[in-house]
């Protein structure tokens, strides 16, 4: 198998099909109460750190909230990709195309264009942020380096 490619290990169940444990591959990790808090936190941080004005404390809060939004999203995408290959990656793209995801990605691009941040301001998720800003969510793929 070539570096960077993943062979699907299983057939991806249809959208919404429940697993034996009651869950679903389609469930976003941010569907829990704790994760809803993180979504609200990002929404509040987005209002305080706008492309027009983003004070230092507001930037820190925005960057932290974005980290907690992206981390479970990237983990979920990675699990789908590693388990189901390109079909899993396509499913992740479907799952993360909700209006809130689109708003978050557009806001990220707007802040970058306004000079609010540089890609190097993100240490752990630099690659993901760079891809979302420059290429969009369709180009986002999990890291497969071994």
C-alpha atoms as a PDB file:
ATOM      1  CA  UNK A   1       0.000   0.000   0.000  1.00  0.00           C
ATOM      2  CA  UNK A   2       1.393   3.395  -0.971  1.00  0.00           C
ATOM      3  CA  UNK A   3       2.245   5.948   1.701  1.00  0.00           C
ATOM      4  CA  UNK A   4      -0.704   8.185   2.457  1.00  0.00           C
ATOM      5  CA  UNK A   5      -3.381   5.795   1.196  1.00  0.00           C
ATOM      6  CA  UNK A   6      -5.734   3.760   3.307  1.00  0.00           C
ATOM      7  CA  UNK A   7      -7.515   0.611   2.245  1.00  0.00           C
ATOM      8  CA  UNK A   8     -11.069   0.342   3.527  1.00  0.00           C
ATOM      9  CA  UNK A   9     -11.413  -2.342   6.158  1.00  0.00           C
ATOM     10  CA  UNK A  10     -15.193  -2.558   6.171  1.00  0.00           C
ATOM     11  CA  UNK A  11     -18.273  -1.540   4.253  1.00  0.00           C
ATOM     12  CA  UNK A  12     -19.659   1.743   5.504  1.00  0.00           C
ATOM     13  CA  UNK A  13     -23.209   1.311   6.838  1.00  0.00           C
ATOM     14  CA  UNK A  14     -25.972   3.471   5.349  1.00  0.00           C
ATOM     15  CA  UNK A  15     -26.525   6.933   6.849  1.00  0.00           C
ATOM     16  CA  UNK A  16     -28.290   6.792  10.193  1.00  0.00           C
ATOM     17  CA  UNK A  17     -27.923   3.030  10.705  1.00  0.00           C
ATOM     18  CA  UNK A  18     -27.415   2.200  14.381  1.00  0.00           C
ATOM     19  CA  UNK A  19     -24.516   0.133  15.663  1.00  0.00           C
ATOM     20  CA  UNK A  20     -24.944  -2.656  18.209  1.00  0.00           C
ATOM     21  CA  UNK A  21     -24.007  -0.226  20.972  1.00  0.00           C
ATOM     22  CA  UNK A  22     -26.767   2.171  19.879  1.00  0.00           C
ATOM     23  CA  UNK A  23     -24.420   4.718  18.366  1.00  0.00           C
ATOM     24  CA  UNK A  24     -23.859   5.564  14.734  1.00  0.00           C
ATOM     25  CA  UNK A  25     -20.867   6.366  12.570  1.00  0.00           C
ATOM     26  CA  UNK A  26     -22.784   9.500  11.590  1.00  0.00           C
ATOM     27  CA  UNK A  27     -22.957  10.909  15.119  1.00  0.00           C
ATOM     28  CA  UNK A  28     -20.746  13.895  15.552  1.00  0.00           C
ATOM     29  CA  UNK A  29     -18.561  13.793  18.642  1.00  0.00           C
ATOM     30  CA  UNK A  30     -19.894  17.262  19.423  1.00  0.00           C
ATOM     31  CA  UNK A  31     -23.435  15.999  20.000  1.00  0.00           C
ATOM     32  CA  UNK A  32     -22.878  15.587  23.758  1.00  0.00           C
ATOM     33  CA  UNK A  33     -23.723  18.255  26.333  1.00  0.00           C
ATOM     34  CA  UNK A  34     -20.043  18.971  26.963  1.00  0.00           C
ATOM     35  CA  UNK A  35     -19.452  19.372  23.257  1.00  0.00           C
ATOM     36  CA  UNK A  36     -22.509  21.606  22.881  1.00  0.00           C
ATOM     37  CA  UNK A  37     -20.795  23.837  25.422  1.00  0.00           C
ATOM     38  CA  UNK A  38     -17.726  23.919  23.159  1.00  0.00           C
ATOM     39  CA  UNK A  39     -19.871  24.918  20.180  1.00  0.00           C
ATOM     40  CA  UNK A  40     -21.445  27.729  22.198  1.00  0.00           C
ATOM     41  CA  UNK A  41     -17.994  28.761  23.383  1.00  0.00           C
ATOM     42  CA  UNK A  42     -16.806  29.039  19.763  1.00  0.00           C
ATOM     43  CA  UNK A  43     -19.879  31.063  18.812  1.00  0.00           C
ATOM     44  CA  UNK A  44     -19.233  33.509  21.674  1.00  0.00           C
ATOM     45  CA  UNK A  45     -15.529  33.713  20.865  1.00  0.00           C
ATOM     46  CA  UNK A  46     -16.397  34.405  17.215  1.00  0.00           C
ATOM     47  CA  UNK A  47     -18.467  37.408  18.279  1.00  0.00           C
ATOM     48  CA  UNK A  48     -15.646  38.807  20.418  1.00  0.00           C
ATOM     49  CA  UNK A  49     -12.927  38.153  17.818  1.00  0.00           C
ATOM     50  CA  UNK A  50     -14.203  39.471  14.510  1.00  0.00           C
ATOM     51  CA  UNK A  51     -12.273  40.138  11.305  1.00  0.00           C
ATOM     52  CA  UNK A  52     -12.653  43.861  12.054  1.00  0.00           C
ATOM     53  CA  UNK A  53     -11.499  43.740  15.677  1.00  0.00           C
ATOM     54  CA  UNK A  54      -9.860  40.959  17.629  1.00  0.00           C
ATOM     55  CA  UNK A  55      -8.173  42.014  20.879  1.00  0.00           C
ATOM     56  CA  UNK A  56      -5.459  39.732  22.258  1.00  0.00           C
ATOM     57  CA  UNK A  57      -7.668  38.093  24.911  1.00  0.00           C
ATOM     58  CA  UNK A  58     -10.464  37.557  22.372  1.00  0.00           C
ATOM     59  CA  UNK A  59      -7.966  35.957  19.965  1.00  0.00           C
ATOM     60  CA  UNK A  60      -6.779  33.555  22.659  1.00  0.00           C
ATOM     61  CA  UNK A  61     -10.369  32.561  23.457  1.00  0.00           C
ATOM     62  CA  UNK A  62     -11.176  32.118  19.748  1.00  0.00           C
ATOM     63  CA  UNK A  63      -8.067  30.020  19.086  1.00  0.00           C
ATOM     64  CA  UNK A  64      -8.811  27.816  22.106  1.00  0.00           C
ATOM     65  CA  UNK A  65     -12.468  27.360  21.127  1.00  0.00           C
ATOM     66  CA  UNK A  66     -11.456  26.547  17.548  1.00  0.00           C
ATOM     67  CA  UNK A  67      -9.031  23.922  18.853  1.00  0.00           C
ATOM     68  CA  UNK A  68     -11.842  22.227  20.808  1.00  0.00           C
ATOM     69  CA  UNK A  69     -14.097  22.320  17.736  1.00  0.00           C
ATOM     70  CA  UNK A  70     -11.465  20.927  15.354  1.00  0.00           C
ATOM     71  CA  UNK A  71     -10.029  18.204  17.610  1.00  0.00           C
ATOM     72  CA  UNK A  72     -13.104  15.944  17.761  1.00  0.00           C
ATOM     73  CA  UNK A  73     -13.909  16.709  14.116  1.00  0.00           C
ATOM     74  CA  UNK A  74     -10.452  15.606  12.989  1.00  0.00           C
ATOM     75  CA  UNK A  75     -10.570  12.510  15.205  1.00  0.00           C
ATOM     76  CA  UNK A  76     -13.986  11.527  13.833  1.00  0.00           C
ATOM     77  CA  UNK A  77     -12.823  12.106  10.248  1.00  0.00           C
ATOM     78  CA  UNK A  78      -9.731  10.026  10.899  1.00  0.00           C
ATOM     79  CA  UNK A  79     -11.746   7.123  12.357  1.00  0.00           C
ATOM     80  CA  UNK A  80     -14.076   7.136   9.356  1.00  0.00           C
ATOM     81  CA  UNK A  81     -11.154   7.291   6.926  1.00  0.00           C
ATOM     82  CA  UNK A  82      -9.131   4.572   8.623  1.00  0.00           C
ATOM     83  CA  UNK A  83     -12.158   2.306   8.950  1.00  0.00           C
ATOM     84  CA  UNK A  84     -13.762   2.857   5.558  1.00  0.00           C
ATOM     85  CA  UNK A  85     -11.207   4.544   3.287  1.00  0.00           C
ATOM     86  CA  UNK A  86     -12.450   7.092   0.765  1.00  0.00           C
ATOM     87  CA  UNK A  87     -16.082   6.209   1.504  1.00  0.00           C
ATOM     88  CA  UNK A  88     -15.505   7.143   5.143  1.00  0.00           C
ATOM     89  CA  UNK A  89     -13.818  10.366   4.126  1.00  0.00           C
ATOM     90  CA  UNK A  90     -16.764  11.243   1.897  1.00  0.00           C
ATOM     91  CA  UNK A  91     -19.142  10.512   4.796  1.00  0.00           C
ATOM     92  CA  UNK A  92     -17.141  12.832   7.059  1.00  0.00           C
ATOM     93  CA  UNK A  93     -17.450  15.567   4.440  1.00  0.00           C
ATOM     94  CA  UNK A  94     -21.228  15.081   4.442  1.00  0.00           C
ATOM     95  CA  UNK A  95     -21.440  15.126   8.234  1.00  0.00           C
ATOM     96  CA  UNK A  96     -19.404  18.321   8.552  1.00  0.00           C
ATOM     97  CA  UNK A  97     -21.272  20.380   5.958  1.00  0.00           C
ATOM     98  CA  UNK A  98     -23.916  21.665   8.351  1.00  0.00           C
ATOM     99  CA  UNK A  99     -24.516  25.435   8.285  1.00  0.00           C
ATOM    100  CA  UNK A 100     -22.575  25.901  11.524  1.00  0.00           C
ATOM    101  CA  UNK A 101     -19.520  24.187  10.007  1.00  0.00           C
ATOM    102  CA  UNK A 102     -19.723  26.373   6.922  1.00  0.00           C
ATOM    103  CA  UNK A 103     -19.993  29.497   9.138  1.00  0.00           C
ATOM    104  CA  UNK A 104     -16.973  28.429  11.187  1.00  0.00           C
ATOM    105  CA  UNK A 105     -14.886  27.810   8.061  1.00  0.00           C
ATOM    106  CA  UNK A 106     -15.979  31.094   6.447  1.00  0.00           C
ATOM    107  CA  UNK A 107     -15.185  32.950   9.669  1.00  0.00           C
ATOM    108  CA  UNK A 108     -11.761  31.366   9.758  1.00  0.00           C
ATOM    109  CA  UNK A 109     -11.066  32.503   6.173  1.00  0.00           C
ATOM    110  CA  UNK A 110     -12.359  36.016   6.928  1.00  0.00           C
ATOM    111  CA  UNK A 111     -10.115  36.355   9.975  1.00  0.00           C
ATOM    112  CA  UNK A 112      -7.117  35.118   8.008  1.00  0.00           C
ATOM    113  CA  UNK A 113      -7.818  37.547   5.145  1.00  0.00           C
ATOM    114  CA  UNK A 114      -8.109  40.397   7.683  1.00  0.00           C
ATOM    115  CA  UNK A 115      -4.713  39.507   9.172  1.00  0.00           C
ATOM    116  CA  UNK A 116      -6.085  38.417  12.540  1.00  0.00           C
ATOM    117  CA  UNK A 117      -3.796  35.377  12.546  1.00  0.00           C
ATOM    118  CA  UNK A 118      -1.021  33.580  10.695  1.00  0.00           C
ATOM    119  CA  UNK A 119      -0.983  29.847  10.175  1.00  0.00           C
ATOM    120  CA  UNK A 120       1.990  29.521  12.516  1.00  0.00           C
ATOM    121  CA  UNK A 121      -0.183  30.877  15.336  1.00  0.00           C
ATOM    122  CA  UNK A 122      -1.687  27.382  15.451  1.00  0.00           C
ATOM    123  CA  UNK A 123       0.772  24.837  16.745  1.00  0.00           C
ATOM    124  CA  UNK A 124      -1.157  21.564  16.935  1.00  0.00           C
ATOM    125  CA  UNK A 125      -3.629  22.111  14.119  1.00  0.00           C
ATOM    126  CA  UNK A 126      -1.618  24.251  11.722  1.00  0.00           C
ATOM    127  CA  UNK A 127      -2.099  21.888   8.780  1.00  0.00           C
ATOM    128  CA  UNK A 128      -5.862  21.555   9.270  1.00  0.00           C
ATOM    129  CA  UNK A 129      -6.347  25.321   9.629  1.00  0.00           C
ATOM    130  CA  UNK A 130      -4.184  25.973   6.561  1.00  0.00           C
ATOM    131  CA  UNK A 131      -6.183  23.501   4.469  1.00  0.00           C
ATOM    132  CA  UNK A 132      -9.537  24.871   5.652  1.00  0.00           C
ATOM    133  CA  UNK A 133      -8.491  28.438   4.854  1.00  0.00           C
ATOM    134  CA  UNK A 134      -6.724  27.875   1.537  1.00  0.00           C
ATOM    135  CA  UNK A 135      -8.520  24.877   0.054  1.00  0.00           C
ATOM    136  CA  UNK A 136     -11.738  24.358   2.006  1.00  0.00           C
ATOM    137  CA  UNK A 137     -13.265  21.417   3.844  1.00  0.00           C
ATOM    138  CA  UNK A 138     -13.367  19.208   0.727  1.00  0.00           C
ATOM    139  CA  UNK A 139      -9.557  19.014   0.818  1.00  0.00           C
ATOM    140  CA  UNK A 140      -9.338  18.148   4.536  1.00  0.00           C
ATOM    141  CA  UNK A 141      -7.883  14.676   5.037  1.00  0.00           C
ATOM    142  CA  UNK A 142      -6.491  13.006   8.143  1.00  0.00           C
ATOM    143  CA  UNK A 143      -2.781  12.561   8.499  1.00  0.00           C
ATOM    144  CA  UNK A 144      -1.673   9.054   7.537  1.00  0.00           C
ATOM    145  CA  UNK A 145       2.019   9.315   8.370  1.00  0.00           C
ATOM    146  CA  UNK A 146       3.260   6.298  10.221  1.00  0.00           C
END
